[in-house]
Amino acid sequence: MPQVSVRSRIVENATGVFLEKGFQGASIQDLVDAAHVPKGSFYNHFSGKEELAVEITRRYVADSGLDELYVRSGPPLQRLREHLQSVAERRTREYGPHGCLLGNFSTGVPATNAQLRAQVAAGLDQWTAAVAAALAEARQVGDLRPGPDPQVLARYVLDGFEGAIARVKTSGEPAVLGEWFDVTFGVLLG
């Protein structure tokens, strides 16, 4: 079995640290402790915490299953709901009650971290485009009534999803997310 590279170990373990402690609260020492590598190894691969966070954000979005929203199989609104449920379940399973990396970074990264903020914005834009494609398809097949532009609606849906995840994180009440799904898919998109 091939050995995991030091860089990969740092990246794989840093997501949990950033989710638990936040970008500002996570120290380089926290990150290297989680990866079980010396601090010097960190600096061999990353110039600092922001560069690591940018890489994690890029991978986080790439691994979030956005491609499934573009595949035209089955009802698009069902596909969208299943995607969002899968995202929520996977995040909870892998990272516990700490929320979403994109949501956490979008509200917890100072303006001085321009590169990370740009990567988070790009990740949200990619996700919005995939959701908008599913909504446009739903409108095209008659499953979604006429209304706002799919891009605008997609931003609204994702902002609500991220808000529900943040509320679950702070309240400890998982039912909040279920309520969001019921209202979004039963009333707004139903």
N, C-alpha and C. Protein backbone atom coordinates (compact mmCIF):
# COMPACT_ATOMS: atom_id res chain seq x y z
N MET A 1 0.85 -1.17 0.00
CA MET A 1 0.00 0.00 0.00
C MET A 1 0.90 1.24 0.00
N PRO A 2 0.66 2.18 -0.94
CA PRO A 2 1.52 3.36 -1.03
C PRO A 2 1.35 4.25 0.19
N GLN A 3 2.45 4.91 0.58
CA GLN A 3 2.42 5.80 1.72
C GLN A 3 1.86 7.16 1.30
N VAL A 4 1.05 7.74 2.16
CA VAL A 4 0.46 9.05 1.90
C VAL A 4 1.55 10.11 2.05
N SER A 5 1.62 11.03 1.10
CA SER A 5 2.63 12.09 1.17
C SER A 5 2.36 13.02 2.35
N VAL A 6 3.39 13.70 2.78
CA VAL A 6 3.25 14.64 3.89
C VAL A 6 2.26 15.73 3.52
N ARG A 7 2.37 16.24 2.29
CA ARG A 7 1.44 17.29 1.84
C ARG A 7 -0.01 16.80 1.93
N SER A 8 -0.26 15.59 1.45
CA SER A 8 -1.61 15.02 1.49
C SER A 8 -2.10 14.86 2.92
N ARG A 9 -1.20 14.42 3.80
CA ARG A 9 -1.59 14.25 5.21
C ARG A 9 -1.98 15.58 5.83
N ILE A 10 -1.24 16.61 5.51
CA ILE A 10 -1.56 17.93 6.04
C ILE A 10 -2.93 18.37 5.53
N VAL A 11 -3.14 18.25 4.23
CA VAL A 11 -4.41 18.68 3.62
C VAL A 11 -5.58 17.87 4.19
N GLU A 12 -5.43 16.55 4.26
CA GLU A 12 -6.52 15.69 4.72
C GLU A 12 -6.93 15.98 6.16
N ASN A 13 -5.99 16.33 6.99
CA ASN A 13 -6.30 16.55 8.40
C ASN A 13 -6.67 17.99 8.73
N ALA A 14 -6.32 18.92 7.87
CA ALA A 14 -6.55 20.33 8.16
C ALA A 14 -8.03 20.72 8.07
N THR A 15 -8.80 20.06 7.22
CA THR A 15 -10.21 20.44 7.08
C THR A 15 -10.91 20.36 8.43
N GLY A 16 -10.73 19.26 9.13
CA GLY A 16 -11.36 19.10 10.45
C GLY A 16 -10.92 20.17 11.44
N VAL A 17 -9.64 20.51 11.39
CA VAL A 17 -9.12 21.55 12.30
C VAL A 17 -9.76 22.89 11.98
N PHE A 18 -9.82 23.25 10.70
CA PHE A 18 -10.43 24.52 10.32
C PHE A 18 -11.91 24.55 10.67
N LEU A 19 -12.60 23.44 10.49
CA LEU A 19 -14.02 23.41 10.84
C LEU A 19 -14.24 23.54 12.34
N GLU A 20 -13.40 22.88 13.10
CA GLU A 20 -13.56 22.91 14.55
C GLU A 20 -13.14 24.24 15.16
N LYS A 21 -12.02 24.80 14.70
CA LYS A 21 -11.46 25.98 15.35
C LYS A 21 -11.66 27.27 14.55
N GLY A 22 -12.08 27.16 13.29
CA GLY A 22 -12.18 28.33 12.45
C GLY A 22 -10.84 28.68 11.85
N PHE A 23 -10.87 29.50 10.81
CA PHE A 23 -9.62 29.89 10.17
C PHE A 23 -8.72 30.66 11.13
N GLN A 24 -9.30 31.63 11.81
CA GLN A 24 -8.50 32.46 12.72
C GLN A 24 -8.04 31.68 13.95
N GLY A 25 -8.87 30.77 14.44
CA GLY A 25 -8.55 30.04 15.66
C GLY A 25 -7.56 28.91 15.47
N ALA A 26 -7.43 28.42 14.25
CA ALA A 26 -6.51 27.31 13.97
C ALA A 26 -5.09 27.84 13.83
N SER A 27 -4.19 27.29 14.62
CA SER A 27 -2.79 27.69 14.52
C SER A 27 -2.04 26.70 13.63
N ILE A 28 -0.89 27.09 13.18
CA ILE A 28 -0.03 26.17 12.43
C ILE A 28 0.27 24.95 13.29
N GLN A 29 0.47 25.15 14.57
CA GLN A 29 0.74 24.01 15.47
C GLN A 29 -0.44 23.06 15.50
N ASP A 30 -1.67 23.59 15.54
CA ASP A 30 -2.86 22.73 15.50
C ASP A 30 -2.87 21.89 14.21
N LEU A 31 -2.52 22.52 13.12
CA LEU A 31 -2.55 21.85 11.82
C LEU A 31 -1.49 20.75 11.72
N VAL A 32 -0.29 21.03 12.19
CA VAL A 32 0.75 20.00 12.12
C VAL A 32 0.51 18.89 13.14
N ASP A 33 -0.06 19.24 14.29
CA ASP A 33 -0.39 18.21 15.28
C ASP A 33 -1.43 17.24 14.72
N ALA A 34 -2.44 17.77 14.03
CA ALA A 34 -3.48 16.92 13.46
C ALA A 34 -2.92 15.99 12.38
N ALA A 35 -1.93 16.47 11.64
CA ALA A 35 -1.33 15.67 10.56
C ALA A 35 -0.18 14.81 11.05
N HIS A 36 0.25 15.03 12.30
CA HIS A 36 1.39 14.29 12.88
C HIS A 36 2.65 14.48 12.03
N VAL A 37 2.93 15.75 11.74
CA VAL A 37 4.15 16.10 10.99
C VAL A 37 4.84 17.26 11.71
N PRO A 38 6.14 17.38 11.52
CA PRO A 38 6.85 18.52 12.13
C PRO A 38 6.49 19.83 11.43
N LYS A 39 6.62 20.92 12.17
CA LYS A 39 6.27 22.23 11.64
C LYS A 39 7.08 22.56 10.38
N GLY A 40 8.34 22.16 10.35
CA GLY A 40 9.17 22.41 9.18
C GLY A 40 8.61 21.75 7.93
N SER A 41 7.99 20.59 8.09
CA SER A 41 7.37 19.91 6.95
C SER A 41 6.21 20.71 6.40
N PHE A 42 5.48 21.37 7.29
CA PHE A 42 4.38 22.23 6.84
C PHE A 42 4.92 23.30 5.90
N TYR A 43 5.97 23.97 6.33
CA TYR A 43 6.51 25.08 5.54
C TYR A 43 7.26 24.61 4.29
N ASN A 44 7.58 23.33 4.20
CA ASN A 44 8.12 22.80 2.95
C ASN A 44 7.04 22.72 1.87
N HIS A 45 5.79 22.67 2.29
CA HIS A 45 4.69 22.47 1.34
C HIS A 45 3.76 23.69 1.21
N PHE A 46 3.70 24.52 2.24
CA PHE A 46 2.79 25.67 2.22
C PHE A 46 3.51 26.90 2.78
N SER A 47 3.22 28.05 2.17
CA SER A 47 3.84 29.28 2.66
C SER A 47 3.21 29.74 3.96
N GLY A 48 2.00 29.28 4.22
CA GLY A 48 1.30 29.66 5.44
C GLY A 48 -0.09 29.05 5.47
N LYS A 49 -0.82 29.43 6.47
CA LYS A 49 -2.16 28.89 6.71
C LYS A 49 -3.12 29.22 5.56
N GLU A 50 -3.01 30.41 5.00
CA GLU A 50 -3.93 30.80 3.93
C GLU A 50 -3.74 29.93 2.70
N GLU A 51 -2.50 29.66 2.32
CA GLU A 51 -2.26 28.82 1.15
C GLU A 51 -2.85 27.42 1.35
N LEU A 52 -2.70 26.87 2.55
CA LEU A 52 -3.30 25.57 2.86
C LEU A 52 -4.83 25.65 2.78
N ALA A 53 -5.40 26.69 3.34
CA ALA A 53 -6.87 26.84 3.32
C ALA A 53 -7.39 26.98 1.89
N VAL A 54 -6.66 27.65 1.03
CA VAL A 54 -7.05 27.77 -0.38
C VAL A 54 -7.08 26.38 -1.03
N GLU A 55 -6.04 25.59 -0.79
CA GLU A 55 -5.97 24.24 -1.36
C GLU A 55 -7.11 23.36 -0.83
N ILE A 56 -7.38 23.45 0.45
CA ILE A 56 -8.46 22.66 1.04
C ILE A 56 -9.80 23.07 0.45
N THR A 57 -10.01 24.35 0.30
CA THR A 57 -11.27 24.85 -0.26
C THR A 57 -11.45 24.35 -1.69
N ARG A 58 -10.39 24.41 -2.48
CA ARG A 58 -10.46 23.92 -3.86
C ARG A 58 -10.85 22.44 -3.88
N ARG A 59 -10.20 21.65 -3.06
CA ARG A 59 -10.49 20.21 -3.01
C ARG A 59 -11.88 19.93 -2.46
N TYR A 60 -12.29 20.69 -1.48
CA TYR A 60 -13.60 20.53 -0.85
C TYR A 60 -14.71 20.69 -1.90
N VAL A 61 -14.57 21.70 -2.73
CA VAL A 61 -15.56 21.93 -3.79
C VAL A 61 -15.47 20.83 -4.85
N ALA A 62 -14.26 20.46 -5.24
CA ALA A 62 -14.08 19.42 -6.26
C ALA A 62 -14.66 18.09 -5.83
N ASP A 63 -14.66 17.83 -4.52
CA ASP A 63 -15.17 16.55 -4.00
C ASP A 63 -16.62 16.61 -3.54
N SER A 64 -17.32 17.68 -3.85
CA SER A 64 -18.68 17.84 -3.32
C SER A 64 -19.79 17.31 -4.22
N GLY A 65 -19.44 16.65 -5.31
CA GLY A 65 -20.45 16.00 -6.15
C GLY A 65 -21.25 16.93 -7.04
N LEU A 66 -20.67 18.04 -7.43
CA LEU A 66 -21.41 18.99 -8.28
C LEU A 66 -21.75 18.39 -9.64
N ASP A 67 -20.91 17.49 -10.13
CA ASP A 67 -21.15 16.89 -11.45
C ASP A 67 -22.50 16.20 -11.53
N GLU A 68 -22.96 15.62 -10.43
CA GLU A 68 -24.23 14.91 -10.44
C GLU A 68 -25.41 15.83 -10.73
N LEU A 69 -25.25 17.12 -10.50
CA LEU A 69 -26.34 18.06 -10.79
C LEU A 69 -26.46 18.35 -12.28
N TYR A 70 -25.41 18.10 -13.02
CA TYR A 70 -25.44 18.33 -14.47
C TYR A 70 -25.92 17.11 -15.25
N VAL A 71 -25.93 15.96 -14.63
CA VAL A 71 -26.32 14.72 -15.31
C VAL A 71 -27.84 14.70 -15.43
N ARG A 72 -28.30 14.61 -16.64
CA ARG A 72 -29.75 14.66 -16.88
C ARG A 72 -30.36 13.27 -16.76
N SER A 73 -30.45 12.79 -15.53
CA SER A 73 -31.11 11.50 -15.29
C SER A 73 -32.02 11.66 -14.09
N GLY A 74 -33.26 11.30 -14.27
CA GLY A 74 -34.24 11.46 -13.20
C GLY A 74 -34.72 12.89 -13.08
N PRO A 75 -35.72 13.10 -12.25
CA PRO A 75 -36.27 14.45 -12.06
C PRO A 75 -35.22 15.39 -11.45
N PRO A 76 -35.02 16.55 -12.05
CA PRO A 76 -33.95 17.46 -11.59
C PRO A 76 -34.13 17.96 -10.16
N LEU A 77 -35.36 18.22 -9.73
CA LEU A 77 -35.55 18.70 -8.36
C LEU A 77 -35.24 17.59 -7.35
N GLN A 78 -35.57 16.37 -7.71
CA GLN A 78 -35.24 15.24 -6.85
C GLN A 78 -33.72 15.08 -6.77
N ARG A 79 -33.06 15.22 -7.92
CA ARG A 79 -31.60 15.13 -7.97
C ARG A 79 -30.97 16.22 -7.11
N LEU A 80 -31.53 17.44 -7.17
CA LEU A 80 -31.02 18.55 -6.37
C LEU A 80 -31.21 18.27 -4.88
N ARG A 81 -32.39 17.81 -4.51
CA ARG A 81 -32.64 17.50 -3.10
C ARG A 81 -31.70 16.41 -2.60
N GLU A 82 -31.54 15.37 -3.40
CA GLU A 82 -30.65 14.27 -3.01
C GLU A 82 -29.21 14.75 -2.89
N HIS A 83 -28.81 15.64 -3.78
CA HIS A 83 -27.46 16.19 -3.71
C HIS A 83 -27.26 16.94 -2.39
N LEU A 84 -28.17 17.83 -2.06
CA LEU A 84 -28.04 18.63 -0.85
C LEU A 84 -28.12 17.75 0.41
N GLN A 85 -28.99 16.75 0.39
CA GLN A 85 -29.06 15.83 1.53
C GLN A 85 -27.75 15.06 1.67
N SER A 86 -27.21 14.63 0.55
CA SER A 86 -25.95 13.91 0.56
C SER A 86 -24.82 14.78 1.09
N VAL A 87 -24.79 16.03 0.67
CA VAL A 87 -23.77 16.97 1.14
C VAL A 87 -23.88 17.13 2.65
N ALA A 88 -25.09 17.35 3.15
CA ALA A 88 -25.29 17.54 4.60
C ALA A 88 -24.91 16.29 5.38
N GLU A 89 -25.33 15.14 4.89
CA GLU A 89 -25.03 13.87 5.59
C GLU A 89 -23.53 13.59 5.59
N ARG A 90 -22.89 13.81 4.46
CA ARG A 90 -21.45 13.54 4.36
C ARG A 90 -20.67 14.46 5.29
N ARG A 91 -21.03 15.73 5.32
CA ARG A 91 -20.32 16.67 6.18
C ARG A 91 -20.49 16.30 7.65
N THR A 92 -21.70 15.92 8.02
CA THR A 92 -21.94 15.53 9.41
C THR A 92 -21.17 14.26 9.74
N ARG A 93 -21.19 13.31 8.83
CA ARG A 93 -20.48 12.03 9.05
C ARG A 93 -18.98 12.26 9.16
N GLU A 94 -18.42 13.07 8.28
CA GLU A 94 -16.97 13.26 8.24
C GLU A 94 -16.45 14.28 9.24
N TYR A 95 -17.24 15.32 9.52
CA TYR A 95 -16.72 16.43 10.31
C TYR A 95 -17.56 16.77 11.54
N GLY A 96 -18.61 16.02 11.79
CA GLY A 96 -19.43 16.28 12.97
C GLY A 96 -20.25 17.55 12.83
N PRO A 97 -20.52 18.19 13.95
CA PRO A 97 -21.45 19.33 13.95
C PRO A 97 -20.81 20.67 13.65
N HIS A 98 -19.71 20.68 12.91
CA HIS A 98 -18.96 21.92 12.73
C HIS A 98 -19.37 22.75 11.52
N GLY A 99 -20.40 22.34 10.80
CA GLY A 99 -20.88 23.14 9.69
C GLY A 99 -20.20 22.83 8.37
N CYS A 100 -20.21 23.80 7.50
CA CYS A 100 -19.69 23.68 6.13
C CYS A 100 -18.46 24.56 5.99
N LEU A 101 -17.44 24.02 5.39
CA LEU A 101 -16.20 24.78 5.21
C LEU A 101 -16.44 26.07 4.44
N LEU A 102 -17.21 26.02 3.36
CA LEU A 102 -17.48 27.24 2.58
C LEU A 102 -18.23 28.26 3.41
N GLY A 103 -19.26 27.80 4.11
CA GLY A 103 -20.03 28.71 4.96
C GLY A 103 -19.18 29.30 6.08
N ASN A 104 -18.41 28.44 6.73
CA ASN A 104 -17.56 28.92 7.82
C ASN A 104 -16.51 29.90 7.33
N PHE A 105 -15.85 29.56 6.23
CA PHE A 105 -14.82 30.46 5.70
C PHE A 105 -15.43 31.76 5.18
N SER A 106 -16.63 31.68 4.60
CA SER A 106 -17.20 32.91 4.03
C SER A 106 -17.56 33.92 5.11
N THR A 107 -17.79 33.47 6.33
CA THR A 107 -18.12 34.41 7.40
C THR A 107 -16.99 34.60 8.41
N GLY A 108 -15.96 33.75 8.35
CA GLY A 108 -14.94 33.81 9.38
C GLY A 108 -13.54 34.13 8.90
N VAL A 109 -13.41 34.57 7.67
CA VAL A 109 -12.08 34.90 7.15
C VAL A 109 -11.99 36.42 6.96
N PRO A 110 -10.98 37.03 7.54
CA PRO A 110 -10.84 38.49 7.40
C PRO A 110 -10.62 38.92 5.95
N ALA A 111 -10.98 40.13 5.67
CA ALA A 111 -10.82 40.69 4.32
C ALA A 111 -9.36 40.70 3.89
N THR A 112 -8.44 40.67 4.82
CA THR A 112 -7.02 40.68 4.48
C THR A 112 -6.57 39.38 3.83
N ASN A 113 -7.36 38.33 3.93
CA ASN A 113 -7.03 37.05 3.31
C ASN A 113 -7.72 36.97 1.94
N ALA A 114 -7.29 37.83 1.04
CA ALA A 114 -7.94 37.98 -0.26
C ALA A 114 -7.91 36.71 -1.09
N GLN A 115 -6.82 35.99 -1.07
CA GLN A 115 -6.71 34.77 -1.89
C GLN A 115 -7.72 33.72 -1.42
N LEU A 116 -7.86 33.55 -0.12
CA LEU A 116 -8.82 32.57 0.40
C LEU A 116 -10.25 33.03 0.14
N ARG A 117 -10.52 34.28 0.36
CA ARG A 117 -11.88 34.79 0.10
C ARG A 117 -12.24 34.59 -1.37
N ALA A 118 -11.30 34.81 -2.27
CA ALA A 118 -11.55 34.61 -3.71
C ALA A 118 -11.82 33.13 -4.00
N GLN A 119 -11.10 32.23 -3.35
CA GLN A 119 -11.31 30.80 -3.58
C GLN A 119 -12.67 30.36 -3.04
N VAL A 120 -13.05 30.87 -1.89
CA VAL A 120 -14.37 30.57 -1.33
C VAL A 120 -15.46 31.09 -2.26
N ALA A 121 -15.30 32.30 -2.75
CA ALA A 121 -16.28 32.88 -3.68
C ALA A 121 -16.36 32.04 -4.96
N ALA A 122 -15.21 31.60 -5.47
CA ALA A 122 -15.20 30.76 -6.67
C ALA A 122 -15.90 29.43 -6.40
N GLY A 123 -15.68 28.85 -5.23
CA GLY A 123 -16.34 27.60 -4.88
C GLY A 123 -17.85 27.77 -4.79
N LEU A 124 -18.28 28.85 -4.17
CA LEU A 124 -19.72 29.12 -4.10
C LEU A 124 -20.30 29.38 -5.48
N ASP A 125 -19.53 30.04 -6.34
CA ASP A 125 -19.99 30.28 -7.71
C ASP A 125 -20.13 28.97 -8.49
N GLN A 126 -19.19 28.05 -8.30
CA GLN A 126 -19.28 26.75 -8.99
C GLN A 126 -20.52 25.99 -8.51
N TRP A 127 -20.74 26.01 -7.22
CA TRP A 127 -21.89 25.31 -6.66
C TRP A 127 -23.18 25.96 -7.14
N THR A 128 -23.22 27.28 -7.16
CA THR A 128 -24.40 28.00 -7.64
C THR A 128 -24.69 27.65 -9.09
N ALA A 129 -23.67 27.59 -9.92
CA ALA A 129 -23.87 27.25 -11.33
C ALA A 129 -24.45 25.85 -11.49
N ALA A 130 -23.99 24.91 -10.69
CA ALA A 130 -24.51 23.53 -10.77
C ALA A 130 -25.96 23.47 -10.32
N VAL A 131 -26.29 24.17 -9.24
CA VAL A 131 -27.67 24.20 -8.76
C VAL A 131 -28.55 24.91 -9.79
N ALA A 132 -28.06 26.00 -10.35
CA ALA A 132 -28.83 26.74 -11.37
C ALA A 132 -29.10 25.86 -12.58
N ALA A 133 -28.16 25.03 -12.97
CA ALA A 133 -28.37 24.12 -14.11
C ALA A 133 -29.50 23.15 -13.81
N ALA A 134 -29.53 22.61 -12.59
CA ALA A 134 -30.61 21.69 -12.22
C ALA A 134 -31.95 22.42 -12.18
N LEU A 135 -31.96 23.64 -11.68
CA LEU A 135 -33.20 24.42 -11.64
C LEU A 135 -33.68 24.80 -13.04
N ALA A 136 -32.77 25.16 -13.91
CA ALA A 136 -33.14 25.47 -15.30
C ALA A 136 -33.71 24.24 -15.98
N GLU A 137 -33.12 23.10 -15.74
CA GLU A 137 -33.64 21.85 -16.30
C GLU A 137 -35.04 21.57 -15.75
N ALA A 138 -35.24 21.79 -14.45
CA ALA A 138 -36.56 21.58 -13.84
C ALA A 138 -37.60 22.49 -14.47
N ARG A 139 -37.22 23.72 -14.73
CA ARG A 139 -38.14 24.65 -15.38
C ARG A 139 -38.44 24.20 -16.82
N GLN A 140 -37.41 23.74 -17.50
CA GLN A 140 -37.55 23.30 -18.89
C GLN A 140 -38.49 22.11 -19.02
N VAL A 141 -38.44 21.18 -18.07
CA VAL A 141 -39.32 20.00 -18.14
C VAL A 141 -40.66 20.22 -17.47
N GLY A 142 -40.89 21.42 -16.93
CA GLY A 142 -42.18 21.75 -16.35
C GLY A 142 -42.33 21.41 -14.89
N ASP A 143 -41.25 21.08 -14.21
CA ASP A 143 -41.31 20.73 -12.79
C ASP A 143 -41.15 21.94 -11.88
N LEU A 144 -40.79 23.08 -12.46
CA LEU A 144 -40.59 24.30 -11.69
C LEU A 144 -41.33 25.43 -12.39
N ARG A 145 -42.20 26.07 -11.65
CA ARG A 145 -43.01 27.15 -12.25
C ARG A 145 -42.13 28.34 -12.65
N PRO A 146 -42.62 29.16 -13.57
CA PRO A 146 -41.87 30.35 -13.96
C PRO A 146 -41.63 31.25 -12.74
N GLY A 147 -40.53 31.93 -12.76
CA GLY A 147 -40.20 32.80 -11.63
C GLY A 147 -38.82 33.38 -11.80
N PRO A 148 -38.11 33.54 -10.71
CA PRO A 148 -36.78 34.16 -10.79
C PRO A 148 -35.84 33.38 -11.69
N ASP A 149 -34.86 34.09 -12.21
CA ASP A 149 -33.80 33.48 -13.00
C ASP A 149 -33.19 32.34 -12.19
N PRO A 150 -32.90 31.18 -12.82
CA PRO A 150 -32.33 30.04 -12.08
C PRO A 150 -31.06 30.38 -11.30
N GLN A 151 -30.25 31.31 -11.82
CA GLN A 151 -29.03 31.71 -11.11
C GLN A 151 -29.37 32.41 -9.80
N VAL A 152 -30.34 33.28 -9.84
CA VAL A 152 -30.78 34.00 -8.63
C VAL A 152 -31.41 33.02 -7.65
N LEU A 153 -32.26 32.15 -8.16
CA LEU A 153 -32.91 31.15 -7.32
C LEU A 153 -31.87 30.20 -6.70
N ALA A 154 -30.87 29.83 -7.47
CA ALA A 154 -29.81 28.94 -6.96
C ALA A 154 -29.06 29.60 -5.80
N ARG A 155 -28.74 30.87 -5.94
CA ARG A 155 -28.06 31.58 -4.85
C ARG A 155 -28.95 31.59 -3.60
N TYR A 156 -30.24 31.83 -3.81
CA TYR A 156 -31.18 31.86 -2.70
C TYR A 156 -31.25 30.50 -2.00
N VAL A 157 -31.34 29.44 -2.80
CA VAL A 157 -31.41 28.08 -2.24
C VAL A 157 -30.14 27.77 -1.44
N LEU A 158 -28.98 28.05 -2.01
CA LEU A 158 -27.73 27.75 -1.32
C LEU A 158 -27.52 28.63 -0.09
N ASP A 159 -27.92 29.89 -0.17
CA ASP A 159 -27.80 30.75 1.00
C ASP A 159 -28.69 30.23 2.13
N GLY A 160 -29.88 29.76 1.79
CA GLY A 160 -30.76 29.18 2.79
C GLY A 160 -30.21 27.89 3.36
N PHE A 161 -29.64 27.06 2.50
CA PHE A 161 -29.04 25.80 2.93
C PHE A 161 -27.89 26.06 3.90
N GLU A 162 -27.00 26.99 3.52
CA GLU A 162 -25.87 27.33 4.39
C GLU A 162 -26.36 27.94 5.69
N GLY A 163 -27.40 28.75 5.63
CA GLY A 163 -27.96 29.33 6.84
C GLY A 163 -28.55 28.28 7.76
N ALA A 164 -29.24 27.29 7.19
CA ALA A 164 -29.79 26.21 8.00
C ALA A 164 -28.68 25.39 8.65
N ILE A 165 -27.61 25.14 7.90
CA ILE A 165 -26.47 24.41 8.46
C ILE A 165 -25.84 25.21 9.60
N ALA A 166 -25.72 26.51 9.44
CA ALA A 166 -25.17 27.36 10.50
C ALA A 166 -26.07 27.33 11.73
N ARG A 167 -27.37 27.33 11.53
CA ARG A 167 -28.30 27.29 12.67
C ARG A 167 -28.21 25.95 13.39
N VAL A 168 -28.09 24.86 12.63
CA VAL A 168 -27.91 23.54 13.25
C VAL A 168 -26.63 23.54 14.07
N LYS A 169 -25.59 24.11 13.52
CA LYS A 169 -24.29 24.18 14.21
C LYS A 169 -24.41 24.92 15.53
N THR A 170 -25.11 26.03 15.55
CA THR A 170 -25.20 26.83 16.77
C THR A 170 -26.27 26.32 17.73
N SER A 171 -27.35 25.77 17.21
CA SER A 171 -28.44 25.34 18.09
C SER A 171 -28.32 23.88 18.53
N GLY A 172 -27.61 23.09 17.73
CA GLY A 172 -27.53 21.66 18.03
C GLY A 172 -28.81 20.92 17.69
N GLU A 173 -29.70 21.55 16.95
CA GLU A 173 -30.99 20.96 16.58
C GLU A 173 -31.00 20.54 15.11
N PRO A 174 -30.74 19.26 14.81
CA PRO A 174 -30.71 18.81 13.42
C PRO A 174 -32.04 18.96 12.68
N ALA A 175 -33.13 19.07 13.42
CA ALA A 175 -34.45 19.22 12.80
C ALA A 175 -34.55 20.50 11.97
N VAL A 176 -33.73 21.49 12.28
CA VAL A 176 -33.75 22.75 11.54
C VAL A 176 -33.47 22.50 10.06
N LEU A 177 -32.53 21.63 9.77
CA LEU A 177 -32.20 21.33 8.38
C LEU A 177 -33.36 20.61 7.70
N GLY A 178 -34.00 19.71 8.41
CA GLY A 178 -35.18 19.04 7.86
C GLY A 178 -36.29 20.02 7.54
N GLU A 179 -36.48 21.01 8.39
CA GLU A 179 -37.48 22.04 8.13
C GLU A 179 -37.12 22.82 6.87
N TRP A 180 -35.83 23.13 6.72
CA TRP A 180 -35.40 23.86 5.53
C TRP A 180 -35.72 23.04 4.28
N PHE A 181 -35.42 21.74 4.29
CA PHE A 181 -35.72 20.89 3.14
C PHE A 181 -37.22 20.86 2.87
N ASP A 182 -38.04 20.74 3.91
CA ASP A 182 -39.50 20.69 3.73
C ASP A 182 -40.03 21.96 3.10
N VAL A 183 -39.59 23.11 3.59
CA VAL A 183 -40.07 24.38 3.06
C VAL A 183 -39.53 24.62 1.65
N THR A 184 -38.25 24.37 1.46
CA THR A 184 -37.63 24.65 0.16
C THR A 184 -38.22 23.77 -0.93
N PHE A 185 -38.29 22.47 -0.69
CA PHE A 185 -38.75 21.57 -1.74
C PHE A 185 -40.26 21.35 -1.72
N GLY A 186 -40.92 21.61 -0.59
CA GLY A 186 -42.36 21.43 -0.52
C GLY A 186 -43.14 22.68 -0.86
N VAL A 187 -42.56 23.85 -0.62
CA VAL A 187 -43.28 25.11 -0.84
C VAL A 187 -42.60 25.93 -1.94
N LEU A 188 -41.35 26.29 -1.72
CA LEU A 188 -40.66 27.18 -2.65
C LEU A 188 -40.48 26.56 -4.04
N LEU A 189 -39.99 25.34 -4.09
CA LEU A 189 -39.74 24.70 -5.37
C LEU A 189 -40.81 23.69 -5.75
N GLY A 190 -41.77 23.48 -4.87
CA GLY A 190 -42.78 22.43 -5.08
C GLY A 190 -43.85 22.78 -6.06
